[in-house]
Amino acid sequence: MSAGADLMRVTNILCRERARQGRTQNEVARSMGRAQTTLSRYENGSMLPDVEALFLWAAALGGRVVVEFPKEAA
């Protein structure tokens, strides 16, 4: 899977979580220190969020970003 596809998958997860919580784009964007239009662009795929935005977005929803590496076979 490409990095862009992975990023879109994470973006979709965050978008679904915002909707699940019943929060508006404006509420979450304000918590992130970003404009509502920016969050809208992230959610509709017309703009990809940078790493800082992903951390802020997850935190605004009460979550966090975790990076995992596959374990090597012994």
PDB file of N, CA and C in Angstrom:
ATOM      1  N   MET A   1       0.855  -1.176   0.000  1.00  0.00           N
ATOM      2  CA  MET A   1       0.000   0.000   0.000  1.00  0.00           C
ATOM      3  C   MET A   1       0.901   1.240   0.000  1.00  0.00           C
ATOM      4  N   SER A   2       0.512   2.251  -0.724  1.00  0.00           N
ATOM      5  CA  SER A   2       1.320   3.465  -0.822  1.00  0.00           C
ATOM      6  C   SER A   2       1.110   4.361   0.397  1.00  0.00           C
ATOM      7  N   ALA A   3       2.047   5.258   0.613  1.00  0.00           N
ATOM      8  CA  ALA A   3       1.936   6.198   1.738  1.00  0.00           C
ATOM      9  C   ALA A   3       0.687   7.056   1.607  1.00  0.00           C
ATOM     10  N   GLY A   4       0.374   7.484   0.385  1.00  0.00           N
ATOM     11  CA  GLY A   4      -0.824   8.288   0.161  1.00  0.00           C
ATOM     12  C   GLY A   4      -2.094   7.526   0.506  1.00  0.00           C
ATOM     13  N   ALA A   5      -2.137   6.233   0.152  1.00  0.00           N
ATOM     14  CA  ALA A   5      -3.301   5.405   0.464  1.00  0.00           C
ATOM     15  C   ALA A   5      -3.421   5.195   1.970  1.00  0.00           C
ATOM     16  N   ASP A   6      -2.291   4.986   2.636  1.00  0.00           N
ATOM     17  CA  ASP A   6      -2.306   4.843   4.098  1.00  0.00           C
ATOM     18  C   ASP A   6      -2.816   6.116   4.760  1.00  0.00           C
ATOM     19  N   LEU A   7      -2.364   7.251   4.267  1.00  0.00           N
ATOM     20  CA  LEU A   7      -2.788   8.531   4.821  1.00  0.00           C
ATOM     21  C   LEU A   7      -4.286   8.740   4.627  1.00  0.00           C
ATOM     22  N   MET A   8      -4.792   8.357   3.475  1.00  0.00           N
ATOM     23  CA  MET A   8      -6.234   8.476   3.230  1.00  0.00           C
ATOM     24  C   MET A   8      -7.018   7.543   4.153  1.00  0.00           C
ATOM     25  N   ARG A   9      -6.478   6.363   4.440  1.00  0.00           N
ATOM     26  CA  ARG A   9      -7.147   5.432   5.350  1.00  0.00           C
ATOM     27  C   ARG A   9      -7.242   6.031   6.747  1.00  0.00           C
ATOM     28  N   VAL A  10      -6.162   6.643   7.219  1.00  0.00           N
ATOM     29  CA  VAL A  10      -6.164   7.296   8.536  1.00  0.00           C
ATOM     30  C   VAL A  10      -7.138   8.470   8.538  1.00  0.00           C
ATOM     31  N   THR A  11      -7.127   9.253   7.464  1.00  0.00           N
ATOM     32  CA  THR A  11      -8.043  10.389   7.340  1.00  0.00           C
ATOM     33  C   THR A  11      -9.492   9.913   7.423  1.00  0.00           C
ATOM     34  N   ASN A  12      -9.811   8.813   6.747  1.00  0.00           N
ATOM     35  CA  ASN A  12     -11.169   8.262   6.788  1.00  0.00           C
ATOM     36  C   ASN A  12     -11.555   7.817   8.195  1.00  0.00           C
ATOM     37  N   ILE A  13     -10.622   7.233   8.919  1.00  0.00           N
ATOM     38  CA  ILE A  13     -10.882   6.815  10.302  1.00  0.00           C
ATOM     39  C   ILE A  13     -11.218   8.030  11.159  1.00  0.00           C
ATOM     40  N   LEU A  14     -10.424   9.097  11.026  1.00  0.00           N
ATOM     41  CA  LEU A  14     -10.656  10.307  11.809  1.00  0.00           C
ATOM     42  C   LEU A  14     -11.974  10.974  11.430  1.00  0.00           C
ATOM     43  N   CYS A  15     -12.291  10.965  10.159  1.00  0.00           N
ATOM     44  CA  CYS A  15     -13.550  11.544   9.689  1.00  0.00           C
ATOM     45  C   CYS A  15     -14.742  10.774  10.270  1.00  0.00           C
ATOM     46  N   ARG A  16     -14.675   9.459  10.225  1.00  0.00           N
ATOM     47  CA  ARG A  16     -15.763   8.637  10.785  1.00  0.00           C
ATOM     48  C   ARG A  16     -15.899   8.848  12.287  1.00  0.00           C
ATOM     49  N   GLU A  17     -14.771   8.996  12.980  1.00  0.00           N
ATOM     50  CA  GLU A  17     -14.828   9.208  14.430  1.00  0.00           C
ATOM     51  C   GLU A  17     -15.471  10.549  14.759  1.00  0.00           C
ATOM     52  N   ARG A  18     -15.166  11.576  13.986  1.00  0.00           N
ATOM     53  CA  ARG A  18     -15.802  12.874  14.215  1.00  0.00           C
ATOM     54  C   ARG A  18     -17.315  12.750  14.076  1.00  0.00           C
ATOM     55  N   ALA A  19     -17.741  12.071  13.017  1.00  0.00           N
ATOM     56  CA  ALA A  19     -19.180  11.884  12.797  1.00  0.00           C
ATOM     57  C   ALA A  19     -19.798  11.048  13.915  1.00  0.00           C
ATOM     58  N   ARG A  20     -19.102   9.997  14.340  1.00  0.00           N
ATOM     59  CA  ARG A  20     -19.606   9.139  15.414  1.00  0.00           C
ATOM     60  C   ARG A  20     -19.829   9.941  16.690  1.00  0.00           C
ATOM     61  N   GLN A  21     -18.928  10.886  16.951  1.00  0.00           N
ATOM     62  CA  GLN A  21     -19.044  11.727  18.145  1.00  0.00           C
ATOM     63  C   GLN A  21     -20.099  12.820  17.985  1.00  0.00           C
ATOM     64  N   GLY A  22     -20.612  13.000  16.782  1.00  0.00           N
ATOM     65  CA  GLY A  22     -21.626  14.020  16.544  1.00  0.00           C
ATOM     66  C   GLY A  22     -21.078  15.436  16.599  1.00  0.00           C
ATOM     67  N   ARG A  23     -19.787  15.579  16.318  1.00  0.00           N
ATOM     68  CA  ARG A  23     -19.151  16.895  16.355  1.00  0.00           C
ATOM     69  C   ARG A  23     -19.080  17.482  14.952  1.00  0.00           C
ATOM     70  N   THR A  24     -19.132  18.786  14.870  1.00  0.00           N
ATOM     71  CA  THR A  24     -19.048  19.458  13.580  1.00  0.00           C
ATOM     72  C   THR A  24     -17.587  19.641  13.170  1.00  0.00           C
ATOM     73  N   GLN A  25     -17.400  19.867  11.882  1.00  0.00           N
ATOM     74  CA  GLN A  25     -16.061  20.182  11.393  1.00  0.00           C
ATOM     75  C   GLN A  25     -15.540  21.431  12.079  1.00  0.00           C
ATOM     76  N   ASN A  26     -16.400  22.411  12.279  1.00  0.00           N
ATOM     77  CA  ASN A  26     -15.980  23.659  12.900  1.00  0.00           C
ATOM     78  C   ASN A  26     -15.475  23.428  14.319  1.00  0.00           C
ATOM     79  N   GLU A  27     -16.177  22.611  15.104  1.00  0.00           N
ATOM     80  CA  GLU A  27     -15.755  22.329  16.479  1.00  0.00           C
ATOM     81  C   GLU A  27     -14.377  21.672  16.509  1.00  0.00           C
ATOM     82  N   VAL A  28     -14.210  20.658  15.675  1.00  0.00           N
ATOM     83  CA  VAL A  28     -12.941  19.919  15.668  1.00  0.00           C
ATOM     84  C   VAL A  28     -11.820  20.791  15.117  1.00  0.00           C
ATOM     85  N   ALA A  29     -12.089  21.508  14.042  1.00  0.00           N
ATOM     86  CA  ALA A  29     -11.068  22.387  13.461  1.00  0.00           C
ATOM     87  C   ALA A  29     -10.618  23.438  14.468  1.00  0.00           C
ATOM     88  N   ARG A  30     -11.558  24.003  15.205  1.00  0.00           N
ATOM     89  CA  ARG A  30     -11.220  25.002  16.217  1.00  0.00           C
ATOM     90  C   ARG A  30     -10.300  24.384  17.278  1.00  0.00           C
ATOM     91  N   SER A  31     -10.595  23.150  17.694  1.00  0.00           N
ATOM     92  CA  SER A  31      -9.749  22.455  18.676  1.00  0.00           C
ATOM     93  C   SER A  31      -8.344  22.208  18.137  1.00  0.00           C
ATOM     94  N   MET A  32      -8.255  22.065  16.810  1.00  0.00           N
ATOM     95  CA  MET A  32      -6.962  21.828  16.159  1.00  0.00           C
ATOM     96  C   MET A  32      -6.205  23.119  15.892  1.00  0.00           C
ATOM     97  N   GLY A  33      -6.886  24.258  15.994  1.00  0.00           N
ATOM     98  CA  GLY A  33      -6.265  25.527  15.614  1.00  0.00           C
ATOM     99  C   GLY A  33      -6.217  25.705  14.118  1.00  0.00           C
ATOM    100  N   ARG A  34      -7.140  25.053  13.404  1.00  0.00           N
ATOM    101  CA  ARG A  34      -7.210  25.134  11.947  1.00  0.00           C
ATOM    102  C   ARG A  34      -8.574  25.671  11.535  1.00  0.00           C
ATOM    103  N   ALA A  35      -8.681  26.087  10.300  1.00  0.00           N
ATOM    104  CA  ALA A  35      -9.950  26.562   9.762  1.00  0.00           C
ATOM    105  C   ALA A  35     -10.852  25.381   9.419  1.00  0.00           C
ATOM    106  N   GLN A  36     -12.158  25.599   9.484  1.00  0.00           N
ATOM    107  CA  GLN A  36     -13.121  24.557   9.120  1.00  0.00           C
ATOM    108  C   GLN A  36     -12.916  24.123   7.677  1.00  0.00           C
ATOM    109  N   THR A  37     -12.587  25.072   6.810  1.00  0.00           N
ATOM    110  CA  THR A  37     -12.381  24.730   5.398  1.00  0.00           C
ATOM    111  C   THR A  37     -11.189  23.793   5.213  1.00  0.00           C
ATOM    112  N   THR A  38     -10.180  23.932   6.064  1.00  0.00           N
ATOM    113  CA  THR A  38      -9.020  23.041   5.997  1.00  0.00           C
ATOM    114  C   THR A  38      -9.427  21.627   6.377  1.00  0.00           C
ATOM    115  N   LEU A  39     -10.180  21.487   7.472  1.00  0.00           N
ATOM    116  CA  LEU A  39     -10.628  20.161   7.884  1.00  0.00           C
ATOM    117  C   LEU A  39     -11.532  19.548   6.819  1.00  0.00           C
ATOM    118  N   SER A  40     -12.374  20.361   6.213  1.00  0.00           N
ATOM    119  CA  SER A  40     -13.234  19.879   5.130  1.00  0.00           C
ATOM    120  C   SER A  40     -12.396  19.327   3.983  1.00  0.00           C
ATOM    121  N   ARG A  41     -11.340  20.008   3.630  1.00  0.00           N
ATOM    122  CA  ARG A  41     -10.456  19.550   2.546  1.00  0.00           C
ATOM    123  C   ARG A  41      -9.759  18.250   2.918  1.00  0.00           C
ATOM    124  N   TYR A  42      -9.349  18.114   4.192  1.00  0.00           N
ATOM    125  CA  TYR A  42      -8.773  16.840   4.630  1.00  0.00           C
ATOM    126  C   TYR A  42      -9.791  15.724   4.465  1.00  0.00           C
ATOM    127  N   GLU A  43     -11.019  15.984   4.930  1.00  0.00           N
ATOM    128  CA  GLU A  43     -12.047  14.945   4.932  1.00  0.00           C
ATOM    129  C   GLU A  43     -12.512  14.572   3.527  1.00  0.00           C
ATOM    130  N   ASN A  44     -12.530  15.523   2.600  1.00  0.00           N
ATOM    131  CA  ASN A  44     -12.996  15.173   1.247  1.00  0.00           C
ATOM    132  C   ASN A  44     -11.850  14.753   0.328  1.00  0.00           C
ATOM    133  N   GLY A  45     -10.621  14.733   0.853  1.00  0.00           N
ATOM    134  CA  GLY A  45      -9.486  14.229   0.097  1.00  0.00           C
ATOM    135  C   GLY A  45      -8.856  15.209  -0.871  1.00  0.00           C
ATOM    136  N   SER A  46      -9.305  16.465  -0.864  1.00  0.00           N
ATOM    137  CA  SER A  46      -8.705  17.435  -1.781  1.00  0.00           C
ATOM    138  C   SER A  46      -7.383  17.985  -1.247  1.00  0.00           C
ATOM    139  N   MET A  47      -7.102  17.709   0.033  1.00  0.00           N
ATOM    140  CA  MET A  47      -5.832  18.122   0.641  1.00  0.00           C
ATOM    141  C   MET A  47      -5.441  17.063   1.670  1.00  0.00           C
ATOM    142  N   LEU A  48      -4.182  16.661   1.668  1.00  0.00           N
ATOM    143  CA  LEU A  48      -3.718  15.676   2.644  1.00  0.00           C
ATOM    144  C   LEU A  48      -3.156  16.393   3.868  1.00  0.00           C
ATOM    145  N   PRO A  49      -3.520  15.932   5.065  1.00  0.00           N
ATOM    146  CA  PRO A  49      -2.995  16.558   6.280  1.00  0.00           C
ATOM    147  C   PRO A  49      -1.514  16.214   6.470  1.00  0.00           C
ATOM    148  N   ASP A  50      -0.773  17.153   7.052  1.00  0.00           N
ATOM    149  CA  ASP A  50       0.611  16.855   7.400  1.00  0.00           C
ATOM    150  C   ASP A  50       0.629  16.105   8.738  1.00  0.00           C
ATOM    151  N   VAL A  51       1.806  15.694   9.156  1.00  0.00           N
ATOM    152  CA  VAL A  51       1.927  14.904  10.391  1.00  0.00           C
ATOM    153  C   VAL A  51       1.400  15.676  11.597  1.00  0.00           C
ATOM    154  N   GLU A  52       1.735  16.949  11.703  1.00  0.00           N
ATOM    155  CA  GLU A  52       1.252  17.754  12.824  1.00  0.00           C
ATOM    156  C   GLU A  52      -0.274  17.778  12.857  1.00  0.00           C
ATOM    157  N   ALA A  53      -0.886  17.947  11.687  1.00  0.00           N
ATOM    158  CA  ALA A  53      -2.349  17.987  11.613  1.00  0.00           C
ATOM    159  C   ALA A  53      -2.955  16.663  12.066  1.00  0.00           C
ATOM    160  N   LEU A  54      -2.329  15.540  11.705  1.00  0.00           N
ATOM    161  CA  LEU A  54      -2.849  14.235  12.147  1.00  0.00           C
ATOM    162  C   LEU A  54      -2.835  14.121  13.666  1.00  0.00           C
ATOM    163  N   PHE A  55      -1.741  14.550  14.285  1.00  0.00           N
ATOM    164  CA  PHE A  55      -1.649  14.495  15.747  1.00  0.00           C
ATOM    165  C   PHE A  55      -2.700  15.407  16.386  1.00  0.00           C
ATOM    166  N   LEU A  56      -2.839  16.617  15.845  1.00  0.00           N
ATOM    167  CA  LEU A  56      -3.828  17.561  16.383  1.00  0.00           C
ATOM    168  C   LEU A  56      -5.252  17.047  16.195  1.00  0.00           C
ATOM    169  N   TRP A  57      -5.530  16.464  15.038  1.00  0.00           N
ATOM    170  CA  TRP A  57      -6.852  15.955  14.712  1.00  0.00           C
ATOM    171  C   TRP A  57      -7.226  14.819  15.658  1.00  0.00           C
ATOM    172  N   ALA A  58      -6.316  13.873  15.823  1.00  0.00           N
ATOM    173  CA  ALA A  58      -6.572  12.749  16.730  1.00  0.00           C
ATOM    174  C   ALA A  58      -6.797  13.256  18.153  1.00  0.00           C
ATOM    175  N   ALA A  59      -5.964  14.178  18.606  1.00  0.00           N
ATOM    176  CA  ALA A  59      -6.097  14.720  19.964  1.00  0.00           C
ATOM    177  C   ALA A  59      -7.424  15.454  20.142  1.00  0.00           C
ATOM    178  N   ALA A  60      -7.853  16.189  19.126  1.00  0.00           N
ATOM    179  CA  ALA A  60      -9.118  16.919  19.198  1.00  0.00           C
ATOM    180  C   ALA A  60     -10.300  15.977  19.361  1.00  0.00           C
ATOM    181  N   LEU A  61     -10.118  14.737  18.911  1.00  0.00           N
ATOM    182  CA  LEU A  61     -11.175  13.729  19.023  1.00  0.00           C
ATOM    183  C   LEU A  61     -10.978  12.812  20.234  1.00  0.00           C
ATOM    184  N   GLY A  62      -9.973  13.130  21.057  1.00  0.00           N
ATOM    185  CA  GLY A  62      -9.724  12.326  22.251  1.00  0.00           C
ATOM    186  C   GLY A  62      -8.878  11.094  21.997  1.00  0.00           C
ATOM    187  N   GLY A  63      -8.188  11.072  20.871  1.00  0.00           N
ATOM    188  CA  GLY A  63      -7.354   9.922  20.528  1.00  0.00           C
ATOM    189  C   GLY A  63      -5.901  10.306  20.402  1.00  0.00           C
ATOM    190  N   ARG A  64      -5.133   9.410  19.823  1.00  0.00           N
ATOM    191  CA  ARG A  64      -3.719   9.668  19.584  1.00  0.00           C
ATOM    192  C   ARG A  64      -3.257   8.861  18.391  1.00  0.00           C
ATOM    193  N   VAL A  65      -2.171   9.279  17.798  1.00  0.00           N
ATOM    194  CA  VAL A  65      -1.583   8.576  16.662  1.00  0.00           C
ATOM    195  C   VAL A  65      -0.511   7.633  17.205  1.00  0.00           C
ATOM    196  N   VAL A  66      -0.558   6.383  16.758  1.00  0.00           N
ATOM    197  CA  VAL A  66       0.414   5.381  17.178  1.00  0.00           C
ATOM    198  C   VAL A  66       1.072   4.798  15.934  1.00  0.00           C
ATOM    199  N   VAL A  67       2.388   4.710  15.955  1.00  0.00           N
ATOM    200  CA  VAL A  67       3.128   4.102  14.861  1.00  0.00           C
ATOM    201  C   VAL A  67       3.588   2.729  15.322  1.00  0.00           C
ATOM    202  N   GLU A  68       3.289   1.714  14.522  1.00  0.00           N
ATOM    203  CA  GLU A  68       3.685   0.349  14.870  1.00  0.00           C
ATOM    204  C   GLU A  68       4.554  -0.213  13.766  1.00  0.00           C
ATOM    205  N   PHE A  69       5.484  -1.055  14.160  1.00  0.00           N
ATOM    206  CA  PHE A  69       6.331  -1.753  13.218  1.00  0.00           C
ATOM    207  C   PHE A  69       6.066  -3.253  13.347  1.00  0.00           C
ATOM    208  N   PRO A  70       6.039  -3.962  12.231  1.00  0.00           N
ATOM    209  CA  PRO A  70       5.809  -5.409  12.321  1.00  0.00           C
ATOM    210  C   PRO A  70       6.966  -6.074  13.055  1.00  0.00           C
ATOM    211  N   LYS A  71       6.616  -7.075  13.849  1.00  0.00           N
ATOM    212  CA  LYS A  71       7.658  -7.828  14.556  1.00  0.00           C
ATOM    213  C   LYS A  71       8.313  -8.799  13.578  1.00  0.00           C
ATOM    214  N   GLU A  72       9.619  -8.897  13.699  1.00  0.00           N
ATOM    215  CA  GLU A  72      10.349  -9.822  12.824  1.00  0.00           C
ATOM    216  C   GLU A  72      10.162 -11.244  13.333  1.00  0.00           C
ATOM    217  N   ALA A  73      10.074 -12.167  12.401  1.00  0.00           N
ATOM    218  CA  ALA A  73       9.957 -13.579  12.779  1.00  0.00           C
ATOM    219  C   ALA A  73      11.263 -14.043  13.401  1.00  0.00           C
ATOM    220  N   ALA A  74      11.149 -14.829  14.437  1.00  0.00           N
ATOM    221  CA  ALA A  74      12.352 -15.298  15.150  1.00  0.00           C
ATOM    222  C   ALA A  74      13.026 -16.422  14.415  1.00  0.00           C
TER     223      ALA A  74
END
